Protein backbone atom coordinates (compact mmCIF):
# COMPACT_ATOMS: atom_id res chain seq x y z
CA LEU A 1 9.20 10.52 -7.68
CA ASN A 2 12.59 9.18 -8.57
CA LEU A 3 13.62 7.87 -11.98
CA HIS A 4 14.00 4.34 -10.59
CA PHE A 5 10.29 4.35 -9.77
CA PHE A 6 9.33 5.49 -13.28
CA TYR A 7 11.47 2.75 -14.79
CA ASN A 8 9.98 0.04 -12.60
CA VAL A 9 6.37 1.08 -13.17
CA GLU A 10 6.97 1.28 -16.88
CA HIS A 11 8.80 -2.01 -17.20
CA SER A 12 7.40 -4.33 -14.53
CA LYS A 13 3.79 -4.98 -15.35
CA ASN A 14 4.04 -8.40 -13.80
CA HIS A 15 4.39 -9.58 -10.22
CA LEU A 16 5.91 -7.27 -7.61
CA ASP A 17 7.87 -8.59 -4.65
CA ILE A 18 9.48 -7.29 -1.48
CA SER A 19 12.38 -5.83 -3.48
CA ASP A 20 9.85 -3.37 -4.95
CA LEU A 21 8.83 -2.01 -1.53
CA ARG A 22 10.62 1.32 -1.92
CA ASP A 23 9.06 2.02 -5.31
CA VAL A 24 5.56 1.02 -4.20
CA GLU A 25 5.87 3.06 -1.01
CA GLU A 26 7.10 6.09 -2.97
CA SER A 27 4.20 5.84 -5.41
CA LEU A 28 1.71 5.78 -2.52
CA LYS A 29 3.30 8.46 -0.33
CA GLU A 30 0.15 10.62 -0.37
CA ILE A 31 -2.03 7.79 0.97
CA VAL A 32 -2.79 8.27 4.66
CA ASP A 33 -5.53 5.65 5.10
CA TRP A 34 -3.13 2.73 4.92
CA MET A 35 -5.58 0.39 6.67
CA ASP A 36 -8.26 0.87 3.99
CA LEU A 37 -5.64 0.29 1.30
CA GLY A 38 -4.44 -2.85 3.09
CA LEU A 39 -7.96 -4.26 3.27
CA ARG A 40 -8.47 -3.53 -0.43
CA LEU A 41 -5.21 -5.32 -1.21
CA GLY A 42 -6.55 -8.41 0.59
CA LEU A 43 -4.81 -8.25 3.96
CA TRP A 44 -6.87 -9.33 6.94
CA HIS A 45 -8.05 -6.90 9.60
CA PRO A 46 -6.24 -8.69 12.48
CA THR A 47 -2.97 -8.39 10.55
CA LEU A 48 -3.53 -4.66 10.05
CA ARG A 49 -4.50 -4.14 13.70
CA LYS A 50 -1.31 -5.92 14.80
CA ILE A 51 0.74 -3.62 12.54
CA GLU A 52 -1.03 -0.61 14.04
CA GLU A 53 -0.45 -1.79 17.61
CA ASP A 54 3.22 -2.56 16.98
CA LEU A 55 4.18 0.57 15.07
CA ASN A 56 1.57 3.27 15.76
CA ARG A 57 2.91 5.74 13.14
CA VAL A 58 1.23 6.16 9.76
CA ASP A 59 4.43 6.04 7.70
CA LYS A 60 5.77 2.94 9.46
CA CYS A 61 2.37 1.23 9.44
CA LYS A 62 1.95 1.85 5.72
CA ARG A 63 5.43 0.49 5.00
CA GLU A 64 4.81 -2.68 7.00
CA MET A 65 1.36 -3.14 5.42
CA LEU A 66 2.87 -2.87 1.93
CA ALA A 67 5.64 -5.29 2.89
CA ALA A 68 3.05 -7.80 4.13
CA TRP A 69 1.15 -7.45 0.85
CA LEU A 70 4.30 -7.84 -1.23
CA ARG A 71 5.17 -10.99 0.78
CA GLY A 72 1.72 -12.41 -0.05
CA GLU A 73 0.49 -12.62 3.53
CA ASP A 74 -3.11 -13.43 4.43
CA ASN A 75 -5.46 -13.50 1.46
CA SER A 76 -3.64 -10.74 -0.38
CA LYS A 77 -4.45 -10.08 -3.97
CA ASP A 78 -1.89 -10.34 -6.75
CA SER A 79 1.09 -8.10 -6.08
CA THR A 80 0.90 -6.02 -9.25
CA TRP A 81 0.62 -2.35 -10.14
CA SER A 82 -2.82 -3.13 -11.59
CA THR A 83 -3.98 -4.37 -8.18
CA ILE A 84 -2.74 -1.13 -6.62
CA VAL A 85 -4.58 0.89 -9.26
CA ASP A 86 -7.82 -1.01 -8.62
CA ALA A 87 -7.46 -0.48 -4.85
CA LEU A 88 -6.86 3.25 -5.36
CA HIS A 89 -9.96 3.57 -7.53
CA GLY A 90 -11.90 1.80 -4.78
CA MET A 91 -10.65 4.47 -2.36
CA ASP A 92 -11.72 7.26 -4.75
CA LYS A 93 -8.06 8.15 -5.33
CA HIS A 94 -8.69 8.36 -9.07
CA LEU A 95 -5.99 10.92 -9.90
CA LEU A 96 -3.24 8.84 -8.33
CA ALA A 97 -4.65 5.64 -9.85
CA ASN A 98 -4.79 7.23 -13.29
CA ASP A 99 -1.27 8.58 -12.91
CA ILE A 100 0.08 5.09 -12.17
CA SER A 101 -2.06 3.58 -14.96
CA GLN A 102 -0.63 5.99 -17.50
CA ARG A 103 2.88 4.83 -16.64
CA LEU A 104 1.86 1.22 -17.18
CA LYS A 105 1.10 1.83 -20.84
């Protein structure tokens, strides 16, 4: 991960927005099941299906899903690192969740 990411995770415990897309995407690069993550972040299934139909590549779909979450689409949960950590724990991605949590302290 780049130093910019470490700085942002460490210093922005509050709301994330679309300008944070690159850092959020970089932190979640190992996540393949972007649809499960999107649902856990509060995006609606039809939104995720539309992304899948339009883009059809995991990396592009994940990027667009994260952008939709950061824009607050659908019923998305708060755009914070803590919300990401909670979603990752729900996906049994505990190592990644703990890694991000440690940087929040």
